[in-house]
Amino acid sequence: MSTILVIGNKNYSSWSLRPWLLLRNAGVAFEEVRLPLDTPEFHARVGDWSPTGRVPVLHDNGQVVWDSLAICEYANERWLRGSGWPGDPGRRALARSVASEMHSGFPALRAQLPMNCRREPRERHWDEAAQRDIDRVLSLWSELRAQASGGDFLFGGFGIADAMFAPVCVRLRGYGVPLSGPAAAYTEAIYALPAMSEWLMAGRAETETVAHDEA
């Protein structure tokens, strides 16, 4: 049996990007199954793969794992030998905290600045609630980068926390959110990953559209 990661559109699916990027960056071999979101094909096929009717979902030799963060945790134990989190217990706890904050928080940012790899910046249209989410993200990135020793990512080398925040880089760039200092450098580091470039190229080449993500 093989390892299969079932994802949505690369242009839009921020949840799919997270485990995909972690796996691809680590050189894990897997088969990709893409189900276009909000289409008859998606609704017809997703039940064959996902117990929740959502993506992403990982199938690994009979083991089924759903939810982005759960897949990343599974990958960390299965293939990454624990390197997805910092080795120091305190730093590891902090990394898990910020990854979980991203996983469950920032509702206004998610709703008003949906991920769209094809989007080019236009006029600002987000409100103060989204701006507070943006300010928190930028402050968090600056704080973590100031504490990092070596490397270009939140905790030095690329890890699960970075996979969780990678879609936010796409959101901020696509909507023209001003970036400077550590936030700008961090976004550049995410975009410089070969795996990220691969995802973005594929996403921009997709032809499907999801109306509510074209804001």
N, C-alpha and C. Protein backbone atom coordinates (compact mmCIF):
# COMPACT_ATOMS: atom_id res chain seq x y z
N MET A 1 0.84 -1.19 0.00
CA MET A 1 0.00 0.00 0.00
C MET A 1 0.88 1.25 0.00
N SER A 2 0.28 2.38 -0.34
CA SER A 2 1.08 3.60 -0.52
C SER A 2 0.62 4.70 0.43
N THR A 3 1.34 5.81 0.35
CA THR A 3 1.00 7.00 1.12
C THR A 3 0.31 7.98 0.19
N ILE A 4 -0.89 8.40 0.56
CA ILE A 4 -1.70 9.27 -0.30
C ILE A 4 -2.15 10.47 0.52
N LEU A 5 -1.93 11.67 -0.02
CA LEU A 5 -2.45 12.88 0.60
C LEU A 5 -3.54 13.45 -0.30
N VAL A 6 -4.73 13.54 0.24
CA VAL A 6 -5.87 14.07 -0.52
C VAL A 6 -6.03 15.54 -0.16
N ILE A 7 -6.04 16.38 -1.19
CA ILE A 7 -6.05 17.83 -0.99
C ILE A 7 -7.15 18.47 -1.82
N GLY A 8 -7.38 19.75 -1.59
CA GLY A 8 -8.28 20.55 -2.41
C GLY A 8 -7.49 21.30 -3.46
N ASN A 9 -8.10 22.34 -4.02
CA ASN A 9 -7.40 23.17 -5.00
C ASN A 9 -6.14 23.77 -4.40
N LYS A 10 -5.06 23.74 -5.14
CA LYS A 10 -3.84 24.37 -4.63
C LYS A 10 -3.98 25.89 -4.59
N ASN A 11 -4.80 26.44 -5.46
CA ASN A 11 -4.95 27.89 -5.45
C ASN A 11 -5.61 28.39 -4.18
N TYR A 12 -6.53 27.62 -3.63
CA TYR A 12 -7.35 28.10 -2.53
C TYR A 12 -7.16 27.38 -1.19
N SER A 13 -6.78 26.13 -1.20
CA SER A 13 -6.88 25.31 0.01
C SER A 13 -5.71 25.51 0.96
N SER A 14 -5.87 26.46 1.86
CA SER A 14 -4.81 26.74 2.84
C SER A 14 -4.58 25.54 3.76
N TRP A 15 -5.66 24.85 4.12
CA TRP A 15 -5.51 23.69 5.00
C TRP A 15 -4.72 22.59 4.31
N SER A 16 -4.91 22.42 3.01
CA SER A 16 -4.17 21.40 2.27
C SER A 16 -2.70 21.74 2.13
N LEU A 17 -2.41 23.04 1.94
CA LEU A 17 -1.02 23.47 1.78
C LEU A 17 -0.17 23.07 2.97
N ARG A 18 -0.70 23.16 4.17
CA ARG A 18 0.11 22.97 5.38
C ARG A 18 0.79 21.59 5.44
N PRO A 19 0.05 20.48 5.43
CA PRO A 19 0.75 19.20 5.48
C PRO A 19 1.49 18.87 4.19
N TRP A 20 0.95 19.32 3.05
CA TRP A 20 1.63 19.09 1.77
C TRP A 20 3.03 19.69 1.80
N LEU A 21 3.13 20.93 2.27
CA LEU A 21 4.42 21.63 2.30
C LEU A 21 5.38 20.94 3.25
N LEU A 22 4.89 20.53 4.41
CA LEU A 22 5.76 19.84 5.37
C LEU A 22 6.30 18.55 4.77
N LEU A 23 5.44 17.76 4.15
CA LEU A 23 5.86 16.49 3.57
C LEU A 23 6.82 16.70 2.41
N ARG A 24 6.47 17.60 1.50
CA ARG A 24 7.30 17.82 0.31
C ARG A 24 8.65 18.40 0.69
N ASN A 25 8.66 19.34 1.61
CA ASN A 25 9.93 19.94 2.03
C ASN A 25 10.85 18.92 2.68
N ALA A 26 10.25 17.93 3.35
CA ALA A 26 11.04 16.89 4.02
C ALA A 26 11.42 15.75 3.09
N GLY A 27 10.95 15.80 1.85
CA GLY A 27 11.29 14.75 0.89
C GLY A 27 10.52 13.46 1.08
N VAL A 28 9.38 13.54 1.76
CA VAL A 28 8.54 12.34 1.95
C VAL A 28 7.84 12.01 0.63
N ALA A 29 7.92 10.76 0.22
CA ALA A 29 7.26 10.33 -1.01
C ALA A 29 5.79 10.07 -0.74
N PHE A 30 4.92 10.69 -1.54
CA PHE A 30 3.49 10.43 -1.39
C PHE A 30 2.79 10.69 -2.72
N GLU A 31 1.66 10.03 -2.86
CA GLU A 31 0.80 10.26 -4.02
C GLU A 31 -0.19 11.35 -3.66
N GLU A 32 -0.45 12.22 -4.60
CA GLU A 32 -1.37 13.34 -4.38
C GLU A 32 -2.68 13.09 -5.11
N VAL A 33 -3.78 13.24 -4.39
CA VAL A 33 -5.11 13.19 -5.00
C VAL A 33 -5.76 14.56 -4.77
N ARG A 34 -6.09 15.25 -5.85
CA ARG A 34 -6.66 16.59 -5.75
C ARG A 34 -8.14 16.55 -6.07
N LEU A 35 -8.95 17.07 -5.14
CA LEU A 35 -10.40 17.14 -5.33
C LEU A 35 -10.79 18.62 -5.40
N PRO A 36 -11.22 19.12 -6.55
CA PRO A 36 -11.57 20.55 -6.68
C PRO A 36 -12.71 20.93 -5.75
N LEU A 37 -12.51 21.95 -4.95
CA LEU A 37 -13.48 22.37 -3.95
C LEU A 37 -14.77 22.88 -4.59
N ASP A 38 -15.87 22.70 -3.88
CA ASP A 38 -17.18 23.24 -4.29
C ASP A 38 -17.58 22.79 -5.70
N THR A 39 -17.31 21.55 -6.02
CA THR A 39 -17.68 20.99 -7.32
C THR A 39 -18.43 19.68 -7.11
N PRO A 40 -19.22 19.25 -8.10
CA PRO A 40 -19.86 17.93 -7.99
C PRO A 40 -18.85 16.81 -7.80
N GLU A 41 -17.68 16.92 -8.44
CA GLU A 41 -16.65 15.91 -8.29
C GLU A 41 -16.21 15.78 -6.84
N PHE A 42 -16.01 16.92 -6.18
CA PHE A 42 -15.59 16.90 -4.78
C PHE A 42 -16.63 16.17 -3.93
N HIS A 43 -17.88 16.55 -4.06
CA HIS A 43 -18.92 15.96 -3.23
C HIS A 43 -19.13 14.48 -3.54
N ALA A 44 -18.87 14.10 -4.79
CA ALA A 44 -19.04 12.70 -5.16
C ALA A 44 -17.91 11.82 -4.65
N ARG A 45 -16.71 12.37 -4.53
CA ARG A 45 -15.53 11.56 -4.24
C ARG A 45 -15.00 11.70 -2.82
N VAL A 46 -15.27 12.82 -2.14
CA VAL A 46 -14.60 13.05 -0.87
C VAL A 46 -14.96 11.99 0.17
N GLY A 47 -16.18 11.46 0.10
CA GLY A 47 -16.58 10.43 1.05
C GLY A 47 -15.78 9.15 0.93
N ASP A 48 -15.17 8.92 -0.23
CA ASP A 48 -14.33 7.74 -0.41
C ASP A 48 -13.01 7.87 0.34
N TRP A 49 -12.66 9.09 0.69
CA TRP A 49 -11.35 9.35 1.29
C TRP A 49 -11.42 9.85 2.72
N SER A 50 -12.39 10.72 3.00
CA SER A 50 -12.37 11.45 4.26
C SER A 50 -13.60 11.15 5.12
N PRO A 51 -13.40 10.77 6.37
CA PRO A 51 -14.54 10.51 7.26
C PRO A 51 -15.30 11.77 7.63
N THR A 52 -14.67 12.94 7.46
CA THR A 52 -15.32 14.21 7.80
C THR A 52 -15.93 14.90 6.59
N GLY A 53 -15.64 14.40 5.39
CA GLY A 53 -16.10 15.08 4.19
C GLY A 53 -15.30 16.31 3.86
N ARG A 54 -14.11 16.42 4.46
CA ARG A 54 -13.24 17.57 4.23
C ARG A 54 -11.84 17.10 3.86
N VAL A 55 -11.06 18.04 3.32
CA VAL A 55 -9.66 17.79 3.03
C VAL A 55 -8.83 18.79 3.82
N PRO A 56 -7.56 18.47 4.11
CA PRO A 56 -6.80 17.30 3.66
C PRO A 56 -7.06 16.08 4.52
N VAL A 57 -6.69 14.94 3.95
CA VAL A 57 -6.71 13.69 4.69
C VAL A 57 -5.57 12.83 4.16
N LEU A 58 -4.87 12.17 5.05
CA LEU A 58 -3.72 11.34 4.71
C LEU A 58 -4.09 9.87 4.87
N HIS A 59 -3.75 9.07 3.86
CA HIS A 59 -3.87 7.61 3.94
C HIS A 59 -2.45 7.04 3.86
N ASP A 60 -2.04 6.34 4.89
CA ASP A 60 -0.69 5.79 4.94
C ASP A 60 -0.75 4.33 5.33
N ASN A 61 -0.69 3.48 4.33
CA ASN A 61 -0.68 2.03 4.58
C ASN A 61 -1.82 1.60 5.51
N GLY A 62 -3.01 2.07 5.23
CA GLY A 62 -4.18 1.70 6.00
C GLY A 62 -4.53 2.64 7.13
N GLN A 63 -3.61 3.48 7.54
CA GLN A 63 -3.87 4.48 8.58
C GLN A 63 -4.48 5.72 7.94
N VAL A 64 -5.59 6.20 8.48
CA VAL A 64 -6.24 7.40 7.97
C VAL A 64 -6.09 8.51 9.00
N VAL A 65 -5.57 9.66 8.56
CA VAL A 65 -5.36 10.80 9.45
C VAL A 65 -5.96 12.03 8.78
N TRP A 66 -6.85 12.71 9.48
CA TRP A 66 -7.43 13.93 8.92
C TRP A 66 -7.10 15.11 9.81
N ASP A 67 -7.31 16.30 9.28
CA ASP A 67 -6.99 17.58 9.92
C ASP A 67 -5.51 17.91 9.69
N SER A 68 -5.26 19.15 9.25
CA SER A 68 -3.90 19.57 8.89
C SER A 68 -2.88 19.36 10.00
N LEU A 69 -3.22 19.82 11.21
CA LEU A 69 -2.25 19.72 12.29
C LEU A 69 -2.03 18.27 12.71
N ALA A 70 -3.08 17.47 12.70
CA ALA A 70 -2.93 16.05 13.04
C ALA A 70 -2.04 15.34 12.02
N ILE A 71 -2.19 15.70 10.75
CA ILE A 71 -1.34 15.09 9.71
C ILE A 71 0.11 15.50 9.93
N CYS A 72 0.33 16.77 10.26
CA CYS A 72 1.70 17.23 10.52
C CYS A 72 2.30 16.50 11.72
N GLU A 73 1.53 16.32 12.76
CA GLU A 73 2.02 15.58 13.93
C GLU A 73 2.34 14.13 13.57
N TYR A 74 1.48 13.52 12.78
CA TYR A 74 1.73 12.14 12.35
C TYR A 74 3.01 12.07 11.52
N ALA A 75 3.15 13.00 10.58
CA ALA A 75 4.35 13.03 9.74
C ALA A 75 5.61 13.23 10.57
N ASN A 76 5.51 14.06 11.61
CA ASN A 76 6.65 14.31 12.48
C ASN A 76 7.14 13.03 13.15
N GLU A 77 6.20 12.19 13.56
CA GLU A 77 6.56 10.92 14.19
C GLU A 77 6.94 9.85 13.18
N ARG A 78 6.28 9.86 12.04
CA ARG A 78 6.44 8.78 11.05
C ARG A 78 7.69 8.95 10.20
N TRP A 79 7.98 10.19 9.79
CA TRP A 79 9.07 10.40 8.84
C TRP A 79 10.12 11.42 9.30
N LEU A 80 9.75 12.39 10.11
CA LEU A 80 10.65 13.51 10.41
C LEU A 80 11.52 13.28 11.65
N ARG A 81 11.31 12.16 12.34
CA ARG A 81 12.08 11.84 13.54
C ARG A 81 12.06 12.97 14.56
N GLY A 82 10.92 13.61 14.66
CA GLY A 82 10.73 14.65 15.66
C GLY A 82 11.24 16.02 15.27
N SER A 83 11.83 16.17 14.09
CA SER A 83 12.45 17.44 13.72
C SER A 83 11.44 18.52 13.34
N GLY A 84 10.15 18.18 13.27
CA GLY A 84 9.14 19.18 12.96
C GLY A 84 8.94 20.19 14.07
N TRP A 85 9.37 19.83 15.28
CA TRP A 85 9.31 20.73 16.43
C TRP A 85 10.72 20.99 16.94
N PRO A 86 10.96 22.11 17.63
CA PRO A 86 12.28 22.35 18.22
C PRO A 86 12.66 21.27 19.22
N GLY A 87 13.95 21.03 19.36
CA GLY A 87 14.41 20.01 20.29
C GLY A 87 14.28 20.41 21.74
N ASP A 88 14.45 21.69 22.05
CA ASP A 88 14.35 22.17 23.43
C ASP A 88 12.90 22.11 23.88
N PRO A 89 12.62 21.55 25.06
CA PRO A 89 11.23 21.41 25.51
C PRO A 89 10.46 22.73 25.59
N GLY A 90 11.12 23.77 26.08
CA GLY A 90 10.46 25.06 26.18
C GLY A 90 10.13 25.64 24.82
N ARG A 91 11.09 25.57 23.91
CA ARG A 91 10.85 26.07 22.55
C ARG A 91 9.80 25.20 21.84
N ARG A 92 9.83 23.92 22.12
CA ARG A 92 8.84 23.02 21.52
C ARG A 92 7.44 23.38 22.00
N ALA A 93 7.29 23.67 23.28
CA ALA A 93 5.99 24.07 23.81
C ALA A 93 5.52 25.37 23.17
N LEU A 94 6.44 26.31 22.99
CA LEU A 94 6.10 27.57 22.35
C LEU A 94 5.68 27.35 20.90
N ALA A 95 6.41 26.51 20.19
CA ALA A 95 6.08 26.22 18.79
C ALA A 95 4.70 25.58 18.68
N ARG A 96 4.40 24.67 19.59
CA ARG A 96 3.07 24.05 19.57
C ARG A 96 1.99 25.08 19.88
N SER A 97 2.29 26.01 20.76
CA SER A 97 1.31 27.04 21.12
C SER A 97 0.99 27.93 19.92
N VAL A 98 2.01 28.38 19.20
CA VAL A 98 1.75 29.28 18.08
C VAL A 98 1.11 28.52 16.91
N ALA A 99 1.48 27.26 16.72
CA ALA A 99 0.85 26.47 15.67
C ALA A 99 -0.63 26.26 15.97
N SER A 100 -0.93 25.99 17.24
CA SER A 100 -2.32 25.80 17.64
C SER A 100 -3.10 27.10 17.56
N GLU A 101 -2.46 28.22 17.88
CA GLU A 101 -3.12 29.53 17.75
C GLU A 101 -3.51 29.76 16.30
N MET A 102 -2.64 29.43 15.38
CA MET A 102 -2.95 29.57 13.96
C MET A 102 -4.06 28.62 13.55
N HIS A 103 -4.01 27.43 14.10
CA HIS A 103 -4.98 26.39 13.74
C HIS A 103 -6.40 26.78 14.15
N SER A 104 -6.55 27.45 15.29
CA SER A 104 -7.89 27.72 15.82
C SER A 104 -8.28 29.18 15.83
N GLY A 105 -7.36 30.07 15.52
CA GLY A 105 -7.62 31.50 15.67
C GLY A 105 -7.67 32.28 14.38
N PHE A 106 -7.59 33.60 14.52
CA PHE A 106 -7.55 34.54 13.40
C PHE A 106 -8.77 34.42 12.48
N PRO A 107 -9.99 34.41 13.02
CA PRO A 107 -11.17 34.21 12.18
C PRO A 107 -11.41 35.33 11.17
N ALA A 108 -11.17 36.57 11.57
CA ALA A 108 -11.41 37.67 10.63
C ALA A 108 -10.41 37.65 9.48
N LEU A 109 -9.17 37.35 9.79
CA LEU A 109 -8.15 37.24 8.74
C LEU A 109 -8.53 36.14 7.75
N ARG A 110 -8.96 35.00 8.26
CA ARG A 110 -9.35 33.90 7.38
C ARG A 110 -10.52 34.29 6.49
N ALA A 111 -11.52 34.94 7.09
CA ALA A 111 -12.75 35.23 6.35
C ALA A 111 -12.56 36.34 5.32
N GLN A 112 -11.78 37.34 5.67
CA GLN A 112 -11.70 38.52 4.80
C GLN A 112 -10.51 38.51 3.85
N LEU A 113 -9.51 37.68 4.14
CA LEU A 113 -8.36 37.57 3.26
C LEU A 113 -8.13 36.10 2.92
N PRO A 114 -9.06 35.47 2.21
CA PRO A 114 -8.90 34.05 1.89
C PRO A 114 -7.67 33.81 1.02
N MET A 115 -7.07 32.63 1.17
CA MET A 115 -5.89 32.32 0.36
C MET A 115 -6.27 32.18 -1.09
N ASN A 116 -5.52 32.86 -1.93
CA ASN A 116 -5.73 32.81 -3.38
C ASN A 116 -4.37 33.07 -4.02
N CYS A 117 -3.74 32.01 -4.50
CA CYS A 117 -2.38 32.13 -5.03
C CYS A 117 -2.31 33.02 -6.26
N ARG A 118 -3.43 33.17 -6.97
CA ARG A 118 -3.44 33.97 -8.20
C ARG A 118 -3.69 35.45 -7.92
N ARG A 119 -4.09 35.78 -6.70
CA ARG A 119 -4.55 37.14 -6.45
C ARG A 119 -3.40 38.15 -6.51
N GLU A 120 -3.69 39.29 -7.14
CA GLU A 120 -2.78 40.43 -7.15
C GLU A 120 -3.36 41.51 -6.25
N PRO A 121 -2.51 42.24 -5.51
CA PRO A 121 -3.03 43.25 -4.57
C PRO A 121 -3.90 44.29 -5.27
N ARG A 122 -5.01 44.60 -4.58
CA ARG A 122 -5.89 45.67 -5.04
C ARG A 122 -6.17 46.57 -3.84
N GLU A 123 -7.29 47.27 -3.86
CA GLU A 123 -7.59 48.16 -2.75
C GLU A 123 -7.82 47.39 -1.46
N ARG A 124 -7.48 48.01 -0.35
CA ARG A 124 -7.73 47.39 0.96
C ARG A 124 -9.24 47.33 1.19
N HIS A 125 -9.70 46.17 1.68
CA HIS A 125 -11.12 46.07 2.00
C HIS A 125 -11.37 45.29 3.29
N TRP A 126 -10.35 45.08 4.11
CA TRP A 126 -10.57 44.37 5.37
C TRP A 126 -10.85 45.38 6.49
N ASP A 127 -11.51 44.89 7.53
CA ASP A 127 -11.93 45.78 8.60
C ASP A 127 -10.95 45.73 9.78
N GLU A 128 -11.34 46.38 10.86
CA GLU A 128 -10.44 46.48 12.01
C GLU A 128 -10.23 45.14 12.70
N ALA A 129 -11.23 44.28 12.66
CA ALA A 129 -11.05 42.95 13.26
C ALA A 129 -9.97 42.17 12.53
N ALA A 130 -10.00 42.23 11.20
CA ALA A 130 -8.96 41.56 10.41
C ALA A 130 -7.61 42.22 10.63
N GLN A 131 -7.60 43.55 10.77
CA GLN A 131 -6.34 44.23 11.01
C GLN A 131 -5.73 43.83 12.35
N ARG A 132 -6.57 43.60 13.35
CA ARG A 132 -6.05 43.14 14.64
C ARG A 132 -5.42 41.75 14.49
N ASP A 133 -6.06 40.89 13.70
CA ASP A 133 -5.47 39.58 13.43
C ASP A 133 -4.13 39.72 12.72
N ILE A 134 -4.09 40.60 11.73
CA ILE A 134 -2.85 40.84 10.98
C ILE A 134 -1.76 41.35 11.92
N ASP A 135 -2.10 42.31 12.75
CA ASP A 135 -1.12 42.88 13.69
C ASP A 135 -0.58 41.80 14.62
N ARG A 136 -1.45 40.91 15.07
CA ARG A 136 -1.00 39.83 15.95
C ARG A 136 -0.03 38.90 15.22
N VAL A 137 -0.34 38.56 13.98
CA VAL A 137 0.55 37.69 13.20
C VAL A 137 1.91 38.34 13.03
N LEU A 138 1.92 39.60 12.62
CA LEU A 138 3.20 40.27 12.36
C LEU A 138 4.01 40.43 13.64
N SER A 139 3.33 40.73 14.74
CA SER A 139 4.02 40.84 16.03
C SER A 139 4.61 39.49 16.45
N LEU A 140 3.83 38.44 16.25
CA LEU A 140 4.29 37.11 16.61
C LEU A 140 5.51 36.71 15.79
N TRP A 141 5.45 36.94 14.50
CA TRP A 141 6.59 36.61 13.64
C TRP A 141 7.84 37.36 14.09
N SER A 142 7.70 38.64 14.35
CA SER A 142 8.86 39.45 14.76
C SER A 142 9.44 38.94 16.08
N GLU A 143 8.56 38.61 17.02
CA GLU A 143 9.01 38.12 18.33
C GLU A 143 9.74 36.79 18.19
N LEU A 144 9.18 35.87 17.40
CA LEU A 144 9.79 34.56 17.25
C LEU A 144 11.10 34.63 16.49
N ARG A 145 11.17 35.45 15.46
CA ARG A 145 12.40 35.57 14.70
C ARG A 145 13.51 36.19 15.55
N ALA A 146 13.13 37.10 16.45
CA ALA A 146 14.13 37.71 17.33
C ALA A 146 14.72 36.68 18.29
N GLN A 147 13.95 35.65 18.63
CA GLN A 147 14.41 34.63 19.56
C GLN A 147 15.10 33.46 18.87
N ALA A 148 14.91 33.35 17.56
CA ALA A 148 15.45 32.20 16.81
C ALA A 148 16.97 32.30 16.71
N SER A 149 17.61 31.17 16.82
CA SER A 149 19.07 31.14 16.68
C SER A 149 19.40 30.38 15.39
N GLY A 150 19.81 31.11 14.37
CA GLY A 150 20.13 30.49 13.09
C GLY A 150 18.89 30.18 12.29
N GLY A 151 19.09 29.96 11.00
CA GLY A 151 17.97 29.64 10.12
C GLY A 151 17.12 30.86 9.80
N ASP A 152 16.18 30.67 8.89
CA ASP A 152 15.36 31.79 8.41
C ASP A 152 13.91 31.69 8.83
N PHE A 153 13.58 30.69 9.66
CA PHE A 153 12.17 30.44 9.96
C PHE A 153 11.85 30.75 11.41
N LEU A 154 10.64 30.50 11.83
CA LEU A 154 10.18 30.98 13.14
C LEU A 154 11.00 30.43 14.30
N PHE A 155 11.48 29.20 14.15
CA PHE A 155 12.30 28.59 15.20
C PHE A 155 13.66 28.14 14.66
N GLY A 156 14.11 28.81 13.62
CA GLY A 156 15.38 28.47 12.99
C GLY A 156 15.14 27.72 11.69
N GLY A 157 15.17 26.38 11.76
CA GLY A 157 14.88 25.57 10.59
C GLY A 157 13.39 25.45 10.35
N PHE A 158 13.03 25.10 9.12
CA PHE A 158 11.62 24.96 8.77
C PHE A 158 10.97 23.84 9.58
N GLY A 159 9.77 24.10 10.11
CA GLY A 159 9.08 23.10 10.91
C GLY A 159 7.57 23.23 10.81
N ILE A 160 6.88 22.56 11.69
CA ILE A 160 5.43 22.52 11.65
C ILE A 160 4.83 23.91 11.85
N ALA A 161 5.38 24.71 12.73
CA ALA A 161 4.86 26.06 12.93
C ALA A 161 4.90 26.86 11.63
N ASP A 162 5.96 26.69 10.86
CA ASP A 162 6.07 27.39 9.57
C ASP A 162 5.06 26.87 8.56
N ALA A 163 4.85 25.56 8.56
CA ALA A 163 3.84 24.99 7.67
C ALA A 163 2.46 25.57 7.98
N MET A 164 2.18 25.78 9.27
CA MET A 164 0.89 26.33 9.65
C MET A 164 0.73 27.78 9.22
N PHE A 165 1.82 28.53 9.21
CA PHE A 165 1.73 29.95 8.85
C PHE A 165 2.00 30.23 7.37
N ALA A 166 2.45 29.25 6.61
CA ALA A 166 2.76 29.49 5.20
C ALA A 166 1.59 30.07 4.42
N PRO A 167 0.35 29.58 4.61
CA PRO A 167 -0.77 30.18 3.86
C PRO A 167 -1.00 31.64 4.21
N VAL A 168 -0.64 32.04 5.43
CA VAL A 168 -0.81 33.44 5.81
C VAL A 168 0.11 34.32 4.98
N CYS A 169 1.30 33.83 4.66
CA CYS A 169 2.20 34.58 3.78
C CYS A 169 1.54 34.84 2.43
N VAL A 170 0.85 33.84 1.92
CA VAL A 170 0.15 34.00 0.63
C VAL A 170 -0.98 35.02 0.78
N ARG A 171 -1.72 34.93 1.87
CA ARG A 171 -2.80 35.88 2.09
C ARG A 171 -2.27 37.32 2.16
N LEU A 172 -1.23 37.53 2.93
CA LEU A 172 -0.72 38.89 3.13
C LEU A 172 -0.15 39.46 1.84
N ARG A 173 0.55 38.66 1.08
CA ARG A 173 1.08 39.14 -0.20
C ARG A 173 -0.05 39.40 -1.21
N GLY A 174 -0.99 38.49 -1.27
CA GLY A 174 -2.06 38.63 -2.25
C GLY A 174 -2.95 39.83 -2.01
N TYR A 175 -3.06 40.25 -0.75
CA TYR A 175 -3.90 41.39 -0.43
C TYR A 175 -3.10 42.67 -0.22
N GLY A 176 -1.80 42.60 -0.45
CA GLY A 176 -0.98 43.80 -0.38
C GLY A 176 -0.79 44.36 1.01
N VAL A 177 -0.81 43.50 2.02
CA VAL A 177 -0.55 43.96 3.39
C VAL A 177 0.91 44.41 3.48
N PRO A 178 1.17 45.62 3.93
CA PRO A 178 2.56 46.08 4.01
C PRO A 178 3.40 45.20 4.95
N LEU A 179 4.54 44.77 4.46
CA LEU A 179 5.44 43.93 5.24
C LEU A 179 6.81 44.58 5.29
N SER A 180 7.45 44.53 6.44
CA SER A 180 8.79 45.08 6.57
C SER A 180 9.53 44.29 7.65
N GLY A 181 10.82 44.48 7.73
CA GLY A 181 11.62 43.88 8.77
C GLY A 181 11.51 42.37 8.81
N PRO A 182 11.43 41.80 10.02
CA PRO A 182 11.39 40.34 10.16
C PRO A 182 10.23 39.69 9.42
N ALA A 183 9.06 40.34 9.37
CA ALA A 183 7.90 39.76 8.68
C ALA A 183 8.16 39.64 7.19
N ALA A 184 8.77 40.67 6.61
CA ALA A 184 9.09 40.62 5.18
C ALA A 184 10.14 39.55 4.89
N ALA A 185 11.16 39.47 5.74
CA ALA A 185 12.22 38.48 5.54
C ALA A 185 11.67 37.07 5.71
N TYR A 186 10.78 36.88 6.68
CA TYR A 186 10.20 35.57 6.90
C TYR A 186 9.34 35.14 5.71
N THR A 187 8.54 36.05 5.19
CA THR A 187 7.72 35.74 4.02
C THR A 187 8.59 35.38 2.82
N GLU A 188 9.68 36.10 2.65
CA GLU A 188 10.61 35.78 1.55
C GLU A 188 11.18 34.38 1.73
N ALA A 189 11.50 34.00 2.97
CA ALA A 189 12.06 32.67 3.22
C ALA A 189 11.05 31.58 2.89
N ILE A 190 9.78 31.80 3.24
CA ILE A 190 8.74 30.82 2.90
C ILE A 190 8.61 30.71 1.38
N TYR A 191 8.57 31.83 0.70
CA TYR A 191 8.41 31.82 -0.76
C TYR A 191 9.63 31.23 -1.46
N ALA A 192 10.79 31.28 -0.83
CA ALA A 192 12.01 30.75 -1.44
C ALA A 192 12.11 29.23 -1.36
N LEU A 193 11.27 28.59 -0.56
CA LEU A 193 11.31 27.13 -0.48
C LEU A 193 10.93 26.52 -1.83
N PRO A 194 11.71 25.61 -2.37
CA PRO A 194 11.34 24.98 -3.64
C PRO A 194 9.96 24.34 -3.61
N ALA A 195 9.60 23.72 -2.49
CA ALA A 195 8.28 23.11 -2.39
C ALA A 195 7.18 24.16 -2.45
N MET A 196 7.41 25.32 -1.84
CA MET A 196 6.42 26.39 -1.90
C MET A 196 6.28 26.91 -3.32
N SER A 197 7.39 27.06 -4.02
CA SER A 197 7.34 27.50 -5.42
C SER A 197 6.56 26.51 -6.27
N GLU A 198 6.76 25.23 -6.01
CA GLU A 198 6.04 24.20 -6.74
C GLU A 198 4.53 24.32 -6.51
N TRP A 199 4.14 24.49 -5.26
CA TRP A 199 2.71 24.63 -4.94
C TRP A 199 2.12 25.87 -5.62
N LEU A 200 2.79 27.00 -5.49
CA LEU A 200 2.28 28.26 -6.05
C LEU A 200 2.14 28.18 -7.56
N MET A 201 3.10 27.59 -8.22
CA MET A 201 3.04 27.46 -9.67
C MET A 201 1.83 26.62 -10.09
N ALA A 202 1.63 25.52 -9.38
CA ALA A 202 0.50 24.65 -9.69
C ALA A 202 -0.82 25.35 -9.38
N GLY A 203 -0.87 26.08 -8.27
CA GLY A 203 -2.09 26.78 -7.91
C GLY A 203 -2.47 27.84 -8.91
N ARG A 204 -1.50 28.58 -9.38
CA ARG A 204 -1.78 29.64 -10.36
C ARG A 204 -2.21 29.07 -11.70
N ALA A 205 -1.82 27.84 -11.98
CA ALA A 205 -2.18 27.22 -13.26
C ALA A 205 -3.57 26.60 -13.25
N GLU A 206 -4.17 26.46 -12.08
CA GLU A 206 -5.51 25.88 -12.01
C GLU A 206 -6.53 26.81 -12.66
N THR A 207 -7.57 26.22 -13.21
CA THR A 207 -8.58 27.02 -13.90
C THR A 207 -9.89 27.13 -13.14
N GLU A 208 -10.09 26.30 -12.08
CA GLU A 208 -11.33 26.38 -11.32
C GLU A 208 -11.37 27.68 -10.51
N THR A 209 -12.58 28.15 -10.25
CA THR A 209 -12.76 29.32 -9.39
C THR A 209 -13.75 28.99 -8.29
N VAL A 210 -13.49 29.56 -7.11
CA VAL A 210 -14.40 29.47 -5.97
C VAL A 210 -14.77 30.91 -5.64
N ALA A 211 -16.02 31.25 -5.85
CA ALA A 211 -16.45 32.67 -5.83
C ALA A 211 -16.10 33.35 -4.52
N HIS A 212 -16.36 32.71 -3.37
CA HIS A 212 -16.14 33.39 -2.10
C HIS A 212 -14.67 33.55 -1.75
N ASP A 213 -13.79 32.88 -2.50
CA ASP A 213 -12.35 33.07 -2.29
C ASP A 213 -11.73 34.01 -3.31
N GLU A 214 -12.58 34.67 -4.09
CA GLU A 214 -12.09 35.63 -5.08
C GLU A 214 -12.36 37.06 -4.64
N ALA A 215 -12.45 37.28 -3.34
CA ALA A 215 -12.75 38.60 -2.80
C ALA A 215 -11.67 39.62 -3.17
